[in-house]
Amino acid sequence: MTVWFVTHAEPVVEPRRPIGSWGLSAVGRARAAAWRAPVARVIASTERKAVETAELVAGGAAVEQDPALVEVDRSATGYLPFDEFDAVVDAFFDRPSESVRGWERAVDAQERIVAAVRALAGPGAGSGAGGGVVLVSHGAVGALLLASLTGEPVARTHEQPGMGSVLTLDPVSWRLLSGWKRLPLPA
């Protein structure tokens, strides 16, 4: 069985709205629509940008939602300007056992995303047509998942190359099949 772990594509950043309610930008919609899920079973985080990405990559197939696939809980700070956000992300990855500015700890988010992937796609979870499942989630938890799959420490070096990226894994042997690849923009 193969799992395609897809991160949501580029959103419209709306600083005054809760991050989980942000939808996709025109570029994000185009990127997500340019890639099709290779199986019928698509499961998304409950955040709007992930659901919209999942609906586009599913190409009309039903999309399930699972709250365990959500991004790192950063509701303590909400939106942060880029430079401030980037510094907090550095600290989040550098100190995974600490809550940085009230954010969910990296070790807790990693435990949650690993458990979610195993529950949704591991042995006994069933699979979609074609023997696999597409999970649409978020970049930071994807980096934490990648660290688990490679047996390496939590580090920012595991981050996706950009929003709207995909990696593949075997949930039974718990190994990485391919690293991050960016979903293409249409020509």
C-alpha atoms as a PDB file:
ATOM      1  CA  MET A   1       0.000   0.000   0.000  1.00  0.00           C
ATOM      2  CA  THR A   2       1.166   3.521  -0.751  1.00  0.00           C
ATOM      3  CA  VAL A   3       0.262   6.762   0.980  1.00  0.00           C
ATOM      4  CA  TRP A   4       0.587  10.066  -0.838  1.00  0.00           C
ATOM      5  CA  PHE A   5       0.959  12.772   1.817  1.00  0.00           C
ATOM      6  CA  VAL A   6       0.041  16.066   0.156  1.00  0.00           C
ATOM      7  CA  THR A   7       0.340  19.497   1.712  1.00  0.00           C
ATOM      8  CA  HIS A   8      -2.244  22.144   0.949  1.00  0.00           C
ATOM      9  CA  ALA A   9      -1.416  24.530  -1.869  1.00  0.00           C
ATOM     10  CA  GLU A  10      -0.929  28.289  -1.473  1.00  0.00           C
ATOM     11  CA  PRO A  11      -3.719  30.026   0.497  1.00  0.00           C
ATOM     12  CA  VAL A  12      -5.024  33.559   0.552  1.00  0.00           C
ATOM     13  CA  VAL A  13      -3.443  34.980   3.717  1.00  0.00           C
ATOM     14  CA  GLU A  14      -6.107  36.803   5.702  1.00  0.00           C
ATOM     15  CA  PRO A  15      -4.462  38.131   8.901  1.00  0.00           C
ATOM     16  CA  ARG A  16      -7.765  39.084  10.553  1.00  0.00           C
ATOM     17  CA  ARG A  17      -9.331  35.620  10.095  1.00  0.00           C
ATOM     18  CA  PRO A  18      -8.509  32.365  11.882  1.00  0.00           C
ATOM     19  CA  ILE A  19      -5.769  30.519   9.987  1.00  0.00           C
ATOM     20  CA  GLY A  20      -7.892  27.368   9.663  1.00  0.00           C
ATOM     21  CA  SER A  21     -10.507  29.310   7.681  1.00  0.00           C
ATOM     22  CA  TRP A  22      -8.146  30.528   4.957  1.00  0.00           C
ATOM     23  CA  GLY A  23      -9.010  29.293   1.473  1.00  0.00           C
ATOM     24  CA  LEU A  24      -6.788  28.690  -1.536  1.00  0.00           C
ATOM     25  CA  SER A  25      -5.403  31.470  -3.711  1.00  0.00           C
ATOM     26  CA  ALA A  26      -5.747  31.344  -7.496  1.00  0.00           C
ATOM     27  CA  VAL A  27      -2.206  29.916  -7.742  1.00  0.00           C
ATOM     28  CA  GLY A  28      -3.019  27.364  -5.023  1.00  0.00           C
ATOM     29  CA  ARG A  29      -6.179  26.297  -6.826  1.00  0.00           C
ATOM     30  CA  ALA A  30      -4.286  25.918 -10.109  1.00  0.00           C
ATOM     31  CA  ARG A  31      -1.497  23.905  -8.451  1.00  0.00           C
ATOM     32  CA  ALA A  32      -3.931  21.573  -6.668  1.00  0.00           C
ATOM     33  CA  ALA A  33      -6.063  21.098  -9.782  1.00  0.00           C
ATOM     34  CA  ALA A  34      -3.004  20.138 -11.855  1.00  0.00           C
ATOM     35  CA  TRP A  35      -2.370  16.943  -9.857  1.00  0.00           C
ATOM     36  CA  ARG A  36      -4.832  14.054  -9.590  1.00  0.00           C
ATOM     37  CA  ALA A  37      -5.018  11.645  -6.704  1.00  0.00           C
ATOM     38  CA  PRO A  38      -3.824   8.248  -7.966  1.00  0.00           C
ATOM     39  CA  VAL A  39      -6.454   6.469  -5.824  1.00  0.00           C
ATOM     40  CA  ALA A  40     -10.103   6.999  -4.945  1.00  0.00           C
ATOM     41  CA  ARG A  41      -9.682   7.442  -1.172  1.00  0.00           C
ATOM     42  CA  VAL A  42      -8.760  11.017  -0.248  1.00  0.00           C
ATOM     43  CA  ILE A  43      -8.745  12.212   3.365  1.00  0.00           C
ATOM     44  CA  ALA A  44      -8.116  15.831   4.342  1.00  0.00           C
ATOM     45  CA  SER A  45      -7.424  17.886   7.404  1.00  0.00           C
ATOM     46  CA  THR A  46     -10.492  19.823   8.515  1.00  0.00           C
ATOM     47  CA  GLU A  47      -8.834  23.157   7.714  1.00  0.00           C
ATOM     48  CA  ARG A  48     -10.393  24.911   4.712  1.00  0.00           C
ATOM     49  CA  LYS A  49      -7.213  25.200   2.607  1.00  0.00           C
ATOM     50  CA  ALA A  50      -6.585  21.450   2.997  1.00  0.00           C
ATOM     51  CA  VAL A  51     -10.206  20.547   2.199  1.00  0.00           C
ATOM     52  CA  GLU A  52     -10.135  22.742  -0.931  1.00  0.00           C
ATOM     53  CA  THR A  53      -6.835  21.153  -2.002  1.00  0.00           C
ATOM     54  CA  ALA A  54      -8.274  17.670  -1.412  1.00  0.00           C
ATOM     55  CA  GLU A  55     -11.408  18.422  -3.414  1.00  0.00           C
ATOM     56  CA  LEU A  56      -9.311  19.558  -6.361  1.00  0.00           C
ATOM     57  CA  VAL A  57      -6.855  16.632  -6.300  1.00  0.00           C
ATOM     58  CA  ALA A  58      -9.755  14.193  -5.833  1.00  0.00           C
ATOM     59  CA  GLY A  59     -11.214  15.343  -9.162  1.00  0.00           C
ATOM     60  CA  GLY A  60     -14.825  14.895  -8.078  1.00  0.00           C
ATOM     61  CA  ALA A  61     -14.343  11.816  -5.866  1.00  0.00           C
ATOM     62  CA  ALA A  62     -15.606  12.025  -2.297  1.00  0.00           C
ATOM     63  CA  VAL A  63     -13.276  13.600   0.264  1.00  0.00           C
ATOM     64  CA  GLU A  64     -13.244  12.435   3.874  1.00  0.00           C
ATOM     65  CA  GLN A  65     -12.033  14.703   6.683  1.00  0.00           C
ATOM     66  CA  ASP A  66     -10.066  13.875   9.814  1.00  0.00           C
ATOM     67  CA  PRO A  67      -9.196  16.444  12.513  1.00  0.00           C
ATOM     68  CA  ALA A  68      -5.995  14.565  13.424  1.00  0.00           C
ATOM     69  CA  LEU A  69      -4.489  15.768  10.115  1.00  0.00           C
ATOM     70  CA  VAL A  70      -4.625  19.466  11.095  1.00  0.00           C
ATOM     71  CA  GLU A  71      -1.567  21.705  11.231  1.00  0.00           C
ATOM     72  CA  VAL A  72       0.409  22.444  14.367  1.00  0.00           C
ATOM     73  CA  ASP A  73      -1.872  24.300  16.781  1.00  0.00           C
ATOM     74  CA  ARG A  74      -0.621  27.860  16.776  1.00  0.00           C
ATOM     75  CA  SER A  75      -3.838  29.476  17.943  1.00  0.00           C
ATOM     76  CA  ALA A  76      -1.972  31.044  20.883  1.00  0.00           C
ATOM     77  CA  THR A  77      -0.433  33.542  18.474  1.00  0.00           C
ATOM     78  CA  GLY A  78      -2.687  33.381  15.426  1.00  0.00           C
ATOM     79  CA  TYR A  79      -1.329  35.152  12.368  1.00  0.00           C
ATOM     80  CA  LEU A  80       2.229  36.485  12.698  1.00  0.00           C
ATOM     81  CA  PRO A  81       4.042  38.689  10.172  1.00  0.00           C
ATOM     82  CA  PHE A  82       6.484  36.608   8.083  1.00  0.00           C
ATOM     83  CA  ASP A  83       9.764  37.478   9.879  1.00  0.00           C
ATOM     84  CA  GLU A  84       8.241  36.873  13.304  1.00  0.00           C
ATOM     85  CA  PHE A  85       6.529  33.685  12.115  1.00  0.00           C
ATOM     86  CA  ASP A  86       9.783  32.403  10.608  1.00  0.00           C
ATOM     87  CA  ALA A  87      11.649  32.946  13.898  1.00  0.00           C
ATOM     88  CA  VAL A  88       8.954  31.089  15.855  1.00  0.00           C
ATOM     89  CA  VAL A  89       9.058  28.213  13.341  1.00  0.00           C
ATOM     90  CA  ASP A  90      12.842  28.019  13.839  1.00  0.00           C
ATOM     91  CA  ALA A  91      12.330  27.789  17.600  1.00  0.00           C
ATOM     92  CA  PHE A  92       9.527  25.226  17.178  1.00  0.00           C
ATOM     93  CA  PHE A  93      11.872  22.878  15.292  1.00  0.00           C
ATOM     94  CA  ASP A  94      14.942  23.690  17.409  1.00  0.00           C
ATOM     95  CA  ARG A  95      13.169  22.993  20.724  1.00  0.00           C
ATOM     96  CA  PRO A  96      10.675  20.204  19.914  1.00  0.00           C
ATOM     97  CA  SER A  97       9.931  19.381  23.575  1.00  0.00           C
ATOM     98  CA  GLU A  98       8.940  22.966  24.401  1.00  0.00           C
ATOM     99  CA  SER A  99       5.825  24.960  23.653  1.00  0.00           C
ATOM    100  CA  VAL A 100       7.142  27.994  21.802  1.00  0.00           C
ATOM    101  CA  ARG A 101       4.882  31.005  22.406  1.00  0.00           C
ATOM    102  CA  GLY A 102       2.026  28.687  23.339  1.00  0.00           C
ATOM    103  CA  TRP A 103       2.158  26.611  20.131  1.00  0.00           C
ATOM    104  CA  GLU A 104       1.594  22.867  20.232  1.00  0.00           C
ATOM    105  CA  ARG A 105       4.902  21.163  21.017  1.00  0.00           C
ATOM    106  CA  ALA A 106       6.606  19.531  18.024  1.00  0.00           C
ATOM    107  CA  VAL A 107       6.842  16.191  19.860  1.00  0.00           C
ATOM    108  CA  ASP A 108       3.080  16.221  20.464  1.00  0.00           C
ATOM    109  CA  ALA A 109       2.239  17.237  16.894  1.00  0.00           C
ATOM    110  CA  GLN A 110       4.584  14.516  15.604  1.00  0.00           C
ATOM    111  CA  GLU A 111       2.931  11.879  17.785  1.00  0.00           C
ATOM    112  CA  ARG A 112      -0.494  13.027  16.543  1.00  0.00           C
ATOM    113  CA  ILE A 113       0.365  13.002  12.816  1.00  0.00           C
ATOM    114  CA  VAL A 114       2.167   9.643  13.002  1.00  0.00           C
ATOM    115  CA  ALA A 115      -0.803   8.102  14.847  1.00  0.00           C
ATOM    116  CA  ALA A 116      -3.207   9.605  12.294  1.00  0.00           C
ATOM    117  CA  VAL A 117      -1.288   8.255   9.295  1.00  0.00           C
ATOM    118  CA  ARG A 118      -1.016   4.815  10.897  1.00  0.00           C
ATOM    119  CA  ALA A 119      -4.737   4.787  11.787  1.00  0.00           C
ATOM    120  CA  LEU A 120      -5.910   6.017   8.383  1.00  0.00           C
ATOM    121  CA  ALA A 121      -3.557   4.017   6.193  1.00  0.00           C
ATOM    122  CA  GLY A 122      -1.634   1.480   8.245  1.00  0.00           C
ATOM    123  CA  PRO A 123      -2.220  -2.266   8.548  1.00  0.00           C
ATOM    124  CA  GLY A 124      -5.905  -3.037   8.993  1.00  0.00           C
ATOM    125  CA  ALA A 125      -7.049   0.461   8.010  1.00  0.00           C
ATOM    126  CA  GLY A 126      -8.321  -0.585   4.597  1.00  0.00           C
ATOM    127  CA  SER A 127      -7.314   1.213   1.463  1.00  0.00           C
ATOM    128  CA  GLY A 128      -8.713   3.015  -1.502  1.00  0.00           C
ATOM    129  CA  ALA A 129      -9.012   1.623  -4.993  1.00  0.00           C
ATOM    130  CA  GLY A 130      -5.519   0.872  -6.195  1.00  0.00           C
ATOM    131  CA  GLY A 131      -4.253  -0.011  -2.742  1.00  0.00           C
ATOM    132  CA  GLY A 132      -3.490   3.407  -1.405  1.00  0.00           C
ATOM    133  CA  VAL A 133      -4.741   6.605   0.107  1.00  0.00           C
ATOM    134  CA  VAL A 134      -4.069  10.307  -0.330  1.00  0.00           C
ATOM    135  CA  LEU A 135      -3.822  12.342   2.868  1.00  0.00           C
ATOM    136  CA  VAL A 136      -4.030  16.126   2.468  1.00  0.00           C
ATOM    137  CA  SER A 137      -2.522  17.962   5.389  1.00  0.00           C
ATOM    138  CA  HIS A 138       0.019  20.677   6.204  1.00  0.00           C
ATOM    139  CA  GLY A 139       3.708  21.476   5.917  1.00  0.00           C
ATOM    140  CA  ALA A 140       4.924  21.509   9.507  1.00  0.00           C
ATOM    141  CA  VAL A 141       3.243  18.215  10.425  1.00  0.00           C
ATOM    142  CA  GLY A 142       4.546  16.828   7.129  1.00  0.00           C
ATOM    143  CA  ALA A 143       8.089  17.717   8.222  1.00  0.00           C
ATOM    144  CA  LEU A 144       7.459  15.954  11.540  1.00  0.00           C
ATOM    145  CA  LEU A 145       6.112  12.902   9.691  1.00  0.00           C
ATOM    146  CA  LEU A 146       9.188  12.856   7.442  1.00  0.00           C
ATOM    147  CA  ALA A 147      11.502  12.935  10.479  1.00  0.00           C
ATOM    148  CA  SER A 148       9.676   9.902  11.897  1.00  0.00           C
ATOM    149  CA  LEU A 149       9.851   8.024   8.593  1.00  0.00           C
ATOM    150  CA  THR A 150      13.596   8.606   8.262  1.00  0.00           C
ATOM    151  CA  GLY A 151      14.357   8.004  11.950  1.00  0.00           C
ATOM    152  CA  GLU A 152      15.996  11.409  12.179  1.00  0.00           C
ATOM    153  CA  PRO A 153      15.506  14.088  14.828  1.00  0.00           C
ATOM    154  CA  VAL A 154      12.870  16.776  14.395  1.00  0.00           C
ATOM    155  CA  ALA A 155      14.463  19.486  12.259  1.00  0.00           C
ATOM    156  CA  ARG A 156      13.408  22.213   9.895  1.00  0.00           C
ATOM    157  CA  THR A 157      15.467  20.530   7.171  1.00  0.00           C
ATOM    158  CA  HIS A 158      12.535  18.117   6.691  1.00  0.00           C
ATOM    159  CA  GLU A 159      10.226  20.894   5.479  1.00  0.00           C
ATOM    160  CA  GLN A 160       8.511  20.771   2.096  1.00  0.00           C
ATOM    161  CA  PRO A 161      10.034  22.744  -0.799  1.00  0.00           C
ATOM    162  CA  GLY A 162       6.873  24.869  -1.005  1.00  0.00           C
ATOM    163  CA  MET A 163       3.156  24.713  -0.329  1.00  0.00           C
ATOM    164  CA  GLY A 164       1.492  22.101  -2.470  1.00  0.00           C
ATOM    165  CA  SER A 165       4.053  19.307  -2.181  1.00  0.00           C
ATOM    166  CA  VAL A 166       3.774  15.519  -1.967  1.00  0.00           C
ATOM    167  CA  LEU A 167       5.800  12.683  -0.507  1.00  0.00           C
ATOM    168  CA  THR A 168       5.036   8.965  -0.601  1.00  0.00           C
ATOM    169  CA  LEU A 169       5.406   6.362   2.098  1.00  0.00           C
ATOM    170  CA  ASP A 170       4.692   2.755   2.887  1.00  0.00           C
ATOM    171  CA  PRO A 171       2.638   2.779   6.109  1.00  0.00           C
ATOM    172  CA  VAL A 172       3.181  -0.947   6.742  1.00  0.00           C
ATOM    173  CA  SER A 173       6.992  -0.939   6.719  1.00  0.00           C
ATOM    174  CA  TRP A 174       7.005   2.712   7.860  1.00  0.00           C
ATOM    175  CA  ARG A 175       9.452   3.841   5.241  1.00  0.00           C
ATOM    176  CA  LEU A 176       9.715   6.709   2.851  1.00  0.00           C
ATOM    177  CA  LEU A 177       9.184   5.824  -0.821  1.00  0.00           C
ATOM    178  CA  SER A 178       9.939   9.279  -2.211  1.00  0.00           C
ATOM    179  CA  GLY A 179      10.846  12.602  -0.684  1.00  0.00           C
ATOM    180  CA  TRP A 180       9.081  15.899  -1.183  1.00  0.00           C
ATOM    181  CA  LYS A 181       8.144  16.854  -4.734  1.00  0.00           C
ATOM    182  CA  ARG A 182       6.304  20.030  -5.587  1.00  0.00           C
ATOM    183  CA  LEU A 183       2.911  19.685  -7.236  1.00  0.00           C
ATOM    184  CA  PRO A 184       3.288  21.241 -10.679  1.00  0.00           C
ATOM    185  CA  LEU A 185       1.585  24.358 -11.911  1.00  0.00           C
ATOM    186  CA  PRO A 186      -0.272  23.817 -15.184  1.00  0.00           C
ATOM    187  CA  ALA A 187       1.640  24.807 -18.304  1.00  0.00           C
END
